[in-house]
Amino acid sequence: MSMGETIDGLPVTEAQIQEWADEAEAGYDIATIKKRGRGRPGRGAEPGQVVALRLTAEELSALDALAARTHQSRSELIRAALAAYAA
């Protein structure tokens, strides 16, 4: 890396580069790295399936207003509505 390089807008120093090199030379615990996981946490034993849904501007506005009032995400509200409808 040349002088003046940044990562996410933050300057990268020679000291940081040396720290990364020392860490790499010491080696990494692969088991720990694999445990970190990636992506969103699962909701069950099986992987979830993404389903696209088209909403009008009014429907989306109502959903967002309810989400703000109840401190839930859009997805949480939609899943709860489907569960209640299917019950």
PDB file of N, CA and C in Angstrom:
ATOM      1  N   MET A   1       0.837  -1.160   0.000  1.00  0.00           N
ATOM      2  CA  MET A   1       0.000   0.000   0.000  1.00  0.00           C
ATOM      3  C   MET A   1       0.891   1.234   0.000  1.00  0.00           C
ATOM      4  N   SER A   2       0.571   2.160  -0.829  1.00  0.00           N
ATOM      5  CA  SER A   2       1.344   3.387  -0.865  1.00  0.00           C
ATOM      6  C   SER A   2       0.845   4.340   0.203  1.00  0.00           C
ATOM      7  N   MET A   3       1.648   5.310   0.511  1.00  0.00           N
ATOM      8  CA  MET A   3       1.264   6.311   1.508  1.00  0.00           C
ATOM      9  C   MET A   3      -0.027   6.996   1.066  1.00  0.00           C
ATOM     10  N   GLY A   4      -0.880   7.313   1.999  1.00  0.00           N
ATOM     11  CA  GLY A   4      -2.118   7.993   1.684  1.00  0.00           C
ATOM     12  C   GLY A   4      -3.281   7.051   1.407  1.00  0.00           C
ATOM     13  N   GLU A   5      -3.063   5.733   1.486  1.00  0.00           N
ATOM     14  CA  GLU A   5      -4.144   4.775   1.251  1.00  0.00           C
ATOM     15  C   GLU A   5      -5.100   4.793   2.441  1.00  0.00           C
ATOM     16  N   THR A   6      -6.346   4.491   2.161  1.00  0.00           N
ATOM     17  CA  THR A   6      -7.351   4.452   3.223  1.00  0.00           C
ATOM     18  C   THR A   6      -8.188   3.181   3.105  1.00  0.00           C
ATOM     19  N   ILE A   7      -8.809   2.811   4.205  1.00  0.00           N
ATOM     20  CA  ILE A   7      -9.803   1.741   4.245  1.00  0.00           C
ATOM     21  C   ILE A   7     -11.023   2.348   4.905  1.00  0.00           C
ATOM     22  N   ASP A   8     -12.137   2.330   4.197  1.00  0.00           N
ATOM     23  CA  ASP A   8     -13.370   2.947   4.693  1.00  0.00           C
ATOM     24  C   ASP A   8     -13.139   4.393   5.121  1.00  0.00           C
ATOM     25  N   GLY A   9     -12.293   5.092   4.386  1.00  0.00           N
ATOM     26  CA  GLY A   9     -12.042   6.494   4.649  1.00  0.00           C
ATOM     27  C   GLY A   9     -11.040   6.778   5.750  1.00  0.00           C
ATOM     28  N   LEU A  10     -10.548   5.738   6.419  1.00  0.00           N
ATOM     29  CA  LEU A  10      -9.578   5.928   7.490  1.00  0.00           C
ATOM     30  C   LEU A  10      -8.173   5.658   6.959  1.00  0.00           C
ATOM     31  N   PRO A  11      -7.199   6.494   7.324  1.00  0.00           N
ATOM     32  CA  PRO A  11      -5.837   6.294   6.818  1.00  0.00           C
ATOM     33  C   PRO A  11      -5.231   5.000   7.359  1.00  0.00           C
ATOM     34  N   VAL A  12      -4.453   4.346   6.521  1.00  0.00           N
ATOM     35  CA  VAL A  12      -3.746   3.134   6.919  1.00  0.00           C
ATOM     36  C   VAL A  12      -2.299   3.526   7.209  1.00  0.00           C
ATOM     37  N   THR A  13      -1.851   3.241   8.423  1.00  0.00           N
ATOM     38  CA  THR A  13      -0.504   3.627   8.829  1.00  0.00           C
ATOM     39  C   THR A  13       0.467   2.470   8.646  1.00  0.00           C
ATOM     40  N   GLU A  14       1.749   2.792   8.632  1.00  0.00           N
ATOM     41  CA  GLU A  14       2.780   1.754   8.577  1.00  0.00           C
ATOM     42  C   GLU A  14       2.673   0.838   9.792  1.00  0.00           C
ATOM     43  N   ALA A  15       2.338   1.411  10.949  1.00  0.00           N
ATOM     44  CA  ALA A  15       2.184   0.610  12.165  1.00  0.00           C
ATOM     45  C   ALA A  15       1.048  -0.401  12.009  1.00  0.00           C
ATOM     46  N   GLN A  16      -0.076   0.014  11.378  1.00  0.00           N
ATOM     47  CA  GLN A  16      -1.194  -0.900  11.166  1.00  0.00           C
ATOM     48  C   GLN A  16      -0.788  -2.016  10.213  1.00  0.00           C
ATOM     49  N   ILE A  17      -0.074  -1.674   9.162  1.00  0.00           N
ATOM     50  CA  ILE A  17       0.388  -2.685   8.207  1.00  0.00           C
ATOM     51  C   ILE A  17       1.306  -3.677   8.902  1.00  0.00           C
ATOM     52  N   GLN A  18       2.211  -3.189   9.752  1.00  0.00           N
ATOM     53  CA  GLN A  18       3.117  -4.072  10.485  1.00  0.00           C
ATOM     54  C   GLN A  18       2.335  -4.972  11.434  1.00  0.00           C
ATOM     55  N   GLU A  19       1.303  -4.435  12.087  1.00  0.00           N
ATOM     56  CA  GLU A  19       0.463  -5.231  12.987  1.00  0.00           C
ATOM     57  C   GLU A  19      -0.233  -6.352  12.225  1.00  0.00           C
ATOM     58  N   TRP A  20      -0.758  -6.036  11.027  1.00  0.00           N
ATOM     59  CA  TRP A  20      -1.412  -7.063  10.208  1.00  0.00           C
ATOM     60  C   TRP A  20      -0.405  -8.134   9.776  1.00  0.00           C
ATOM     61  N   ALA A  21       0.796  -7.709   9.415  1.00  0.00           N
ATOM     62  CA  ALA A  21       1.827  -8.668   8.992  1.00  0.00           C
ATOM     63  C   ALA A  21       2.221  -9.575  10.152  1.00  0.00           C
ATOM     64  N   ASP A  22       2.405  -9.004  11.336  1.00  0.00           N
ATOM     65  CA  ASP A  22       2.755  -9.810  12.515  1.00  0.00           C
ATOM     66  C   ASP A  22       1.658 -10.819  12.825  1.00  0.00           C
ATOM     67  N   GLU A  23       0.406 -10.389  12.725  1.00  0.00           N
ATOM     68  CA  GLU A  23      -0.724 -11.283  12.976  1.00  0.00           C
ATOM     69  C   GLU A  23      -0.727 -12.437  11.980  1.00  0.00           C
ATOM     70  N   ALA A  24      -0.501 -12.125  10.705  1.00  0.00           N
ATOM     71  CA  ALA A  24      -0.493 -13.158   9.663  1.00  0.00           C
ATOM     72  C   ALA A  24       0.660 -14.134   9.863  1.00  0.00           C
ATOM     73  N   GLU A  25       1.823 -13.620  10.231  1.00  0.00           N
ATOM     74  CA  GLU A  25       2.984 -14.488  10.440  1.00  0.00           C
ATOM     75  C   GLU A  25       2.795 -15.404  11.639  1.00  0.00           C
ATOM     76  N   ALA A  26       2.055 -14.946  12.650  1.00  0.00           N
ATOM     77  CA  ALA A  26       1.795 -15.768  13.835  1.00  0.00           C
ATOM     78  C   ALA A  26       0.819 -16.894  13.519  1.00  0.00           C
ATOM     79  N   GLY A  27       0.009 -16.711  12.475  1.00  0.00           N
ATOM     80  CA  GLY A  27      -0.957 -17.733  12.073  1.00  0.00           C
ATOM     81  C   GLY A  27      -2.334 -17.454  12.633  1.00  0.00           C
ATOM     82  N   TYR A  28      -3.315 -18.078  12.019  1.00  0.00           N
ATOM     83  CA  TYR A  28      -4.707 -17.884  12.401  1.00  0.00           C
ATOM     84  C   TYR A  28      -5.306 -19.201  12.867  1.00  0.00           C
ATOM     85  N   ASP A  29      -6.220 -19.122  13.814  1.00  0.00           N
ATOM     86  CA  ASP A  29      -6.954 -20.296  14.286  1.00  0.00           C
ATOM     87  C   ASP A  29      -8.149 -20.484  13.351  1.00  0.00           C
ATOM     88  N   ILE A  30      -8.040 -21.439  12.445  1.00  0.00           N
ATOM     89  CA  ILE A  30      -9.066 -21.664  11.427  1.00  0.00           C
ATOM     90  C   ILE A  30     -10.409 -22.007  12.058  1.00  0.00           C
ATOM     91  N   ALA A  31     -10.420 -22.759  13.146  1.00  0.00           N
ATOM     92  CA  ALA A  31     -11.691 -23.124  13.796  1.00  0.00           C
ATOM     93  C   ALA A  31     -12.431 -21.877  14.269  1.00  0.00           C
ATOM     94  N   THR A  32     -11.700 -20.921  14.817  1.00  0.00           N
ATOM     95  CA  THR A  32     -12.323 -19.678  15.279  1.00  0.00           C
ATOM     96  C   THR A  32     -12.866 -18.881  14.106  1.00  0.00           C
ATOM     97  N   ILE A  33     -12.112 -18.816  13.039  1.00  0.00           N
ATOM     98  CA  ILE A  33     -12.551 -18.068  11.866  1.00  0.00           C
ATOM     99  C   ILE A  33     -13.819 -18.678  11.283  1.00  0.00           C
ATOM    100  N   LYS A  34     -13.884 -20.001  11.211  1.00  0.00           N
ATOM    101  CA  LYS A  34     -15.063 -20.654  10.651  1.00  0.00           C
ATOM    102  C   LYS A  34     -16.292 -20.477  11.529  1.00  0.00           C
ATOM    103  N   LYS A  35     -16.121 -20.326  12.855  1.00  0.00           N
ATOM    104  CA  LYS A  35     -17.240 -20.170  13.772  1.00  0.00           C
ATOM    105  C   LYS A  35     -17.928 -18.817  13.622  1.00  0.00           C
ATOM    106  N   ARG A  36     -17.225 -17.843  13.089  1.00  0.00           N
ATOM    107  CA  ARG A  36     -17.783 -16.495  13.014  1.00  0.00           C
ATOM    108  C   ARG A  36     -19.070 -16.451  12.211  1.00  0.00           C
ATOM    109  N   GLY A  37     -19.186 -17.306  11.212  1.00  0.00           N
ATOM    110  CA  GLY A  37     -20.397 -17.325  10.402  1.00  0.00           C
ATOM    111  C   GLY A  37     -20.493 -16.121   9.487  1.00  0.00           C
ATOM    112  N   ARG A  38     -21.401 -16.205   8.564  1.00  0.00           N
ATOM    113  CA  ARG A  38     -21.605 -15.122   7.629  1.00  0.00           C
ATOM    114  C   ARG A  38     -23.090 -14.941   7.401  1.00  0.00           C
ATOM    115  N   GLY A  39     -23.469 -13.765   7.058  1.00  0.00           N
ATOM    116  CA  GLY A  39     -24.850 -13.505   6.704  1.00  0.00           C
ATOM    117  C   GLY A  39     -25.758 -13.401   7.915  1.00  0.00           C
ATOM    118  N   ARG A  40     -27.026 -13.405   7.606  1.00  0.00           N
ATOM    119  CA  ARG A  40     -28.026 -13.271   8.657  1.00  0.00           C
ATOM    120  C   ARG A  40     -28.148 -14.567   9.442  1.00  0.00           C
ATOM    121  N   PRO A  41     -28.495 -14.452  10.714  1.00  0.00           N
ATOM    122  CA  PRO A  41     -28.687 -15.672  11.494  1.00  0.00           C
ATOM    123  C   PRO A  41     -29.911 -16.439  10.990  1.00  0.00           C
ATOM    124  N   GLY A  42     -29.849 -17.741  11.112  1.00  0.00           N
ATOM    125  CA  GLY A  42     -30.944 -18.585  10.660  1.00  0.00           C
ATOM    126  C   GLY A  42     -32.177 -18.437  11.537  1.00  0.00           C
ATOM    127  N   ARG A  43     -33.320 -18.804  10.979  1.00  0.00           N
ATOM    128  CA  ARG A  43     -34.573 -18.739  11.734  1.00  0.00           C
ATOM    129  C   ARG A  43     -35.074 -20.133  12.091  1.00  0.00           C
ATOM    130  N   GLY A  44     -34.376 -21.134  11.656  1.00  0.00           N
ATOM    131  CA  GLY A  44     -34.803 -22.499  11.931  1.00  0.00           C
ATOM    132  C   GLY A  44     -33.716 -23.470  11.491  1.00  0.00           C
ATOM    133  N   ALA A  45     -34.082 -24.744  11.459  1.00  0.00           N
ATOM    134  CA  ALA A  45     -33.114 -25.762  11.085  1.00  0.00           C
ATOM    135  C   ALA A  45     -32.779 -25.706   9.600  1.00  0.00           C
ATOM    136  N   GLU A  46     -33.727 -25.288   8.792  1.00  0.00           N
ATOM    137  CA  GLU A  46     -33.533 -25.224   7.340  1.00  0.00           C
ATOM    138  C   GLU A  46     -33.233 -23.793   6.912  1.00  0.00           C
ATOM    139  N   PRO A  47     -32.496 -23.636   5.832  1.00  0.00           N
ATOM    140  CA  PRO A  47     -32.265 -22.280   5.330  1.00  0.00           C
ATOM    141  C   PRO A  47     -33.579 -21.620   4.919  1.00  0.00           C
ATOM    142  N   GLY A  48     -33.700 -20.328   5.163  1.00  0.00           N
ATOM    143  CA  GLY A  48     -34.899 -19.601   4.775  1.00  0.00           C
ATOM    144  C   GLY A  48     -34.899 -19.312   3.284  1.00  0.00           C
ATOM    145  N   GLN A  49     -36.057 -19.070   2.752  1.00  0.00           N
ATOM    146  CA  GLN A  49     -36.196 -18.745   1.338  1.00  0.00           C
ATOM    147  C   GLN A  49     -36.664 -17.303   1.219  1.00  0.00           C
ATOM    148  N   VAL A  50     -36.015 -16.557   0.352  1.00  0.00           N
ATOM    149  CA  VAL A  50     -36.391 -15.169   0.122  1.00  0.00           C
ATOM    150  C   VAL A  50     -37.541 -15.139  -0.871  1.00  0.00           C
ATOM    151  N   VAL A  51     -38.571 -14.357  -0.545  1.00  0.00           N
ATOM    152  CA  VAL A  51     -39.739 -14.227  -1.409  1.00  0.00           C
ATOM    153  C   VAL A  51     -39.934 -12.745  -1.713  1.00  0.00           C
ATOM    154  N   ALA A  52     -39.984 -12.411  -2.992  1.00  0.00           N
ATOM    155  CA  ALA A  52     -40.204 -11.022  -3.391  1.00  0.00           C
ATOM    156  C   ALA A  52     -41.680 -10.687  -3.252  1.00  0.00           C
ATOM    157  N   LEU A  53     -41.949  -9.460  -2.845  1.00  0.00           N
ATOM    158  CA  LEU A  53     -43.322  -9.016  -2.631  1.00  0.00           C
ATOM    159  C   LEU A  53     -43.438  -7.584  -3.129  1.00  0.00           C
ATOM    160  N   ARG A  54     -44.421  -7.332  -3.994  1.00  0.00           N
ATOM    161  CA  ARG A  54     -44.634  -5.970  -4.489  1.00  0.00           C
ATOM    162  C   ARG A  54     -45.729  -5.308  -3.671  1.00  0.00           C
ATOM    163  N   LEU A  55     -45.428  -4.112  -3.191  1.00  0.00           N
ATOM    164  CA  LEU A  55     -46.390  -3.337  -2.428  1.00  0.00           C
ATOM    165  C   LEU A  55     -46.553  -1.968  -3.082  1.00  0.00           C
ATOM    166  N   THR A  56     -47.752  -1.409  -2.948  1.00  0.00           N
ATOM    167  CA  THR A  56     -47.963  -0.046  -3.431  1.00  0.00           C
ATOM    168  C   THR A  56     -47.246   0.908  -2.477  1.00  0.00           C
ATOM    169  N   ALA A  57     -47.108   2.145  -2.882  1.00  0.00           N
ATOM    170  CA  ALA A  57     -46.476   3.143  -2.024  1.00  0.00           C
ATOM    171  C   ALA A  57     -47.266   3.305  -0.729  1.00  0.00           C
ATOM    172  N   GLU A  58     -48.588   3.240  -0.832  1.00  0.00           N
ATOM    173  CA  GLU A  58     -49.430   3.380   0.356  1.00  0.00           C
ATOM    174  C   GLU A  58     -49.259   2.193   1.300  1.00  0.00           C
ATOM    175  N   GLU A  59     -49.209   0.981   0.735  1.00  0.00           N
ATOM    176  CA  GLU A  59     -49.018  -0.211   1.565  1.00  0.00           C
ATOM    177  C   GLU A  59     -47.664  -0.177   2.269  1.00  0.00           C
ATOM    178  N   LEU A  60     -46.643   0.210   1.536  1.00  0.00           N
ATOM    179  CA  LEU A  60     -45.304   0.279   2.115  1.00  0.00           C
ATOM    180  C   LEU A  60     -45.233   1.347   3.199  1.00  0.00           C
ATOM    181  N   SER A  61     -45.875   2.470   2.975  1.00  0.00           N
ATOM    182  CA  SER A  61     -45.902   3.538   3.966  1.00  0.00           C
ATOM    183  C   SER A  61     -46.603   3.070   5.235  1.00  0.00           C
ATOM    184  N   ALA A  62     -47.725   2.377   5.082  1.00  0.00           N
ATOM    185  CA  ALA A  62     -48.455   1.853   6.246  1.00  0.00           C
ATOM    186  C   ALA A  62     -47.612   0.813   6.984  1.00  0.00           C
ATOM    187  N   LEU A  63     -46.922  -0.044   6.246  1.00  0.00           N
ATOM    188  CA  LEU A  63     -46.067  -1.060   6.852  1.00  0.00           C
ATOM    189  C   LEU A  63     -44.933  -0.404   7.628  1.00  0.00           C
ATOM    190  N   ASP A  64     -44.289   0.598   7.036  1.00  0.00           N
ATOM    191  CA  ASP A  64     -43.186   1.290   7.705  1.00  0.00           C
ATOM    192  C   ASP A  64     -43.663   2.036   8.945  1.00  0.00           C
ATOM    193  N   ALA A  65     -44.863   2.634   8.877  1.00  0.00           N
ATOM    194  CA  ALA A  65     -45.404   3.344  10.038  1.00  0.00           C
ATOM    195  C   ALA A  65     -45.665   2.368  11.182  1.00  0.00           C
ATOM    196  N   LEU A  66     -46.235   1.214  10.862  1.00  0.00           N
ATOM    197  CA  LEU A  66     -46.491   0.201  11.883  1.00  0.00           C
ATOM    198  C   LEU A  66     -45.176  -0.334  12.443  1.00  0.00           C
ATOM    199  N   ALA A  67     -44.200  -0.552  11.581  1.00  0.00           N
ATOM    200  CA  ALA A  67     -42.887  -1.030  12.029  1.00  0.00           C
ATOM    201  C   ALA A  67     -42.254  -0.044  13.003  1.00  0.00           C
ATOM    202  N   ALA A  68     -42.368   1.239  12.721  1.00  0.00           N
ATOM    203  CA  ALA A  68     -41.806   2.258  13.611  1.00  0.00           C
ATOM    204  C   ALA A  68     -42.531   2.269  14.951  1.00  0.00           C
ATOM    205  N   ARG A  69     -43.870   2.157  14.912  1.00  0.00           N
ATOM    206  CA  ARG A  69     -44.651   2.172  16.154  1.00  0.00           C
ATOM    207  C   ARG A  69     -44.379   0.954  17.030  1.00  0.00           C
ATOM    208  N   THR A  70     -44.179  -0.191  16.402  1.00  0.00           N
ATOM    209  CA  THR A  70     -44.028  -1.438  17.162  1.00  0.00           C
ATOM    210  C   THR A  70     -42.574  -1.863  17.349  1.00  0.00           C
ATOM    211  N   HIS A  71     -41.646  -1.079  16.801  1.00  0.00           N
ATOM    212  CA  HIS A  71     -40.208  -1.384  16.903  1.00  0.00           C
ATOM    213  C   HIS A  71     -39.898  -2.772  16.332  1.00  0.00           C
ATOM    214  N   GLN A  72     -40.482  -3.054  15.176  1.00  0.00           N
ATOM    215  CA  GLN A  72     -40.239  -4.311  14.482  1.00  0.00           C
ATOM    216  C   GLN A  72     -39.787  -3.985  13.061  1.00  0.00           C
ATOM    217  N   SER A  73     -39.205  -4.991  12.413  1.00  0.00           N
ATOM    218  CA  SER A  73     -38.810  -4.816  11.021  1.00  0.00           C
ATOM    219  C   SER A  73     -39.997  -5.124  10.106  1.00  0.00           C
ATOM    220  N   ARG A  74     -39.882  -4.728   8.871  1.00  0.00           N
ATOM    221  CA  ARG A  74     -40.909  -5.076   7.881  1.00  0.00           C
ATOM    222  C   ARG A  74     -41.109  -6.587   7.841  1.00  0.00           C
ATOM    223  N   SER A  75     -39.988  -7.313   7.800  1.00  0.00           N
ATOM    224  CA  SER A  75     -40.064  -8.777   7.703  1.00  0.00           C
ATOM    225  C   SER A  75     -40.771  -9.383   8.900  1.00  0.00           C
ATOM    226  N   GLU A  76     -40.467  -8.890  10.095  1.00  0.00           N
ATOM    227  CA  GLU A  76     -41.121  -9.421  11.291  1.00  0.00           C
ATOM    228  C   GLU A  76     -42.626  -9.214  11.224  1.00  0.00           C
ATOM    229  N   LEU A  77     -43.049  -8.033  10.778  1.00  0.00           N
ATOM    230  CA  LEU A  77     -44.486  -7.749  10.672  1.00  0.00           C
ATOM    231  C   LEU A  77     -45.159  -8.629   9.628  1.00  0.00           C
ATOM    232  N   ILE A  78     -44.528  -8.807   8.491  1.00  0.00           N
ATOM    233  CA  ILE A  78     -45.112  -9.633   7.426  1.00  0.00           C
ATOM    234  C   ILE A  78     -45.221 -11.081   7.880  1.00  0.00           C
ATOM    235  N   ARG A  79     -44.156 -11.592   8.538  1.00  0.00           N
ATOM    236  CA  ARG A  79     -44.209 -12.976   9.033  1.00  0.00           C
ATOM    237  C   ARG A  79     -45.309 -13.152  10.065  1.00  0.00           C
ATOM    238  N   ALA A  80     -45.478 -12.163  10.974  1.00  0.00           N
ATOM    239  CA  ALA A  80     -46.531 -12.246  11.989  1.00  0.00           C
ATOM    240  C   ALA A  80     -47.907 -12.218  11.342  1.00  0.00           C
ATOM    241  N   ALA A  81     -48.086 -11.377  10.329  1.00  0.00           N
ATOM    242  CA  ALA A  81     -49.371 -11.307   9.636  1.00  0.00           C
ATOM    243  C   ALA A  81     -49.683 -12.619   8.936  1.00  0.00           C
ATOM    244  N   LEU A  82     -48.676 -13.216   8.308  1.00  0.00           N
ATOM    245  CA  LEU A  82     -48.900 -14.512   7.640  1.00  0.00           C
ATOM    246  C   LEU A  82     -49.243 -15.603   8.654  1.00  0.00           C
ATOM    247  N   ALA A  83     -48.552 -15.599   9.783  1.00  0.00           N
ATOM    248  CA  ALA A  83     -48.821 -16.597  10.827  1.00  0.00           C
ATOM    249  C   ALA A  83     -50.234 -16.442  11.361  1.00  0.00           C
ATOM    250  N   ALA A  84     -50.657 -15.202  11.592  1.00  0.00           N
ATOM    251  CA  ALA A  84     -52.005 -14.963  12.102  1.00  0.00           C
ATOM    252  C   ALA A  84     -53.047 -15.357  11.067  1.00  0.00           C
ATOM    253  N   TYR A  85     -52.804 -15.083   9.800  1.00  0.00           N
ATOM    254  CA  TYR A  85     -53.743 -15.418   8.727  1.00  0.00           C
ATOM    255  C   TYR A  85     -53.860 -16.935   8.567  1.00  0.00           C
ATOM    256  N   ALA A  86     -52.745 -17.628   8.689  1.00  0.00           N
ATOM    257  CA  ALA A  86     -52.736 -19.081   8.489  1.00  0.00           C
ATOM    258  C   ALA A  86     -53.268 -19.843   9.696  1.00  0.00           C
ATOM    259  N   ALA A  87     -53.348 -19.194  10.860  1.00  0.00           N
ATOM    260  CA  ALA A  87     -53.785 -19.887  12.082  1.00  0.00           C
ATOM    261  C   ALA A  87     -55.263 -20.198  12.063  1.00  0.00           C
TER     262      ALA A  87
END
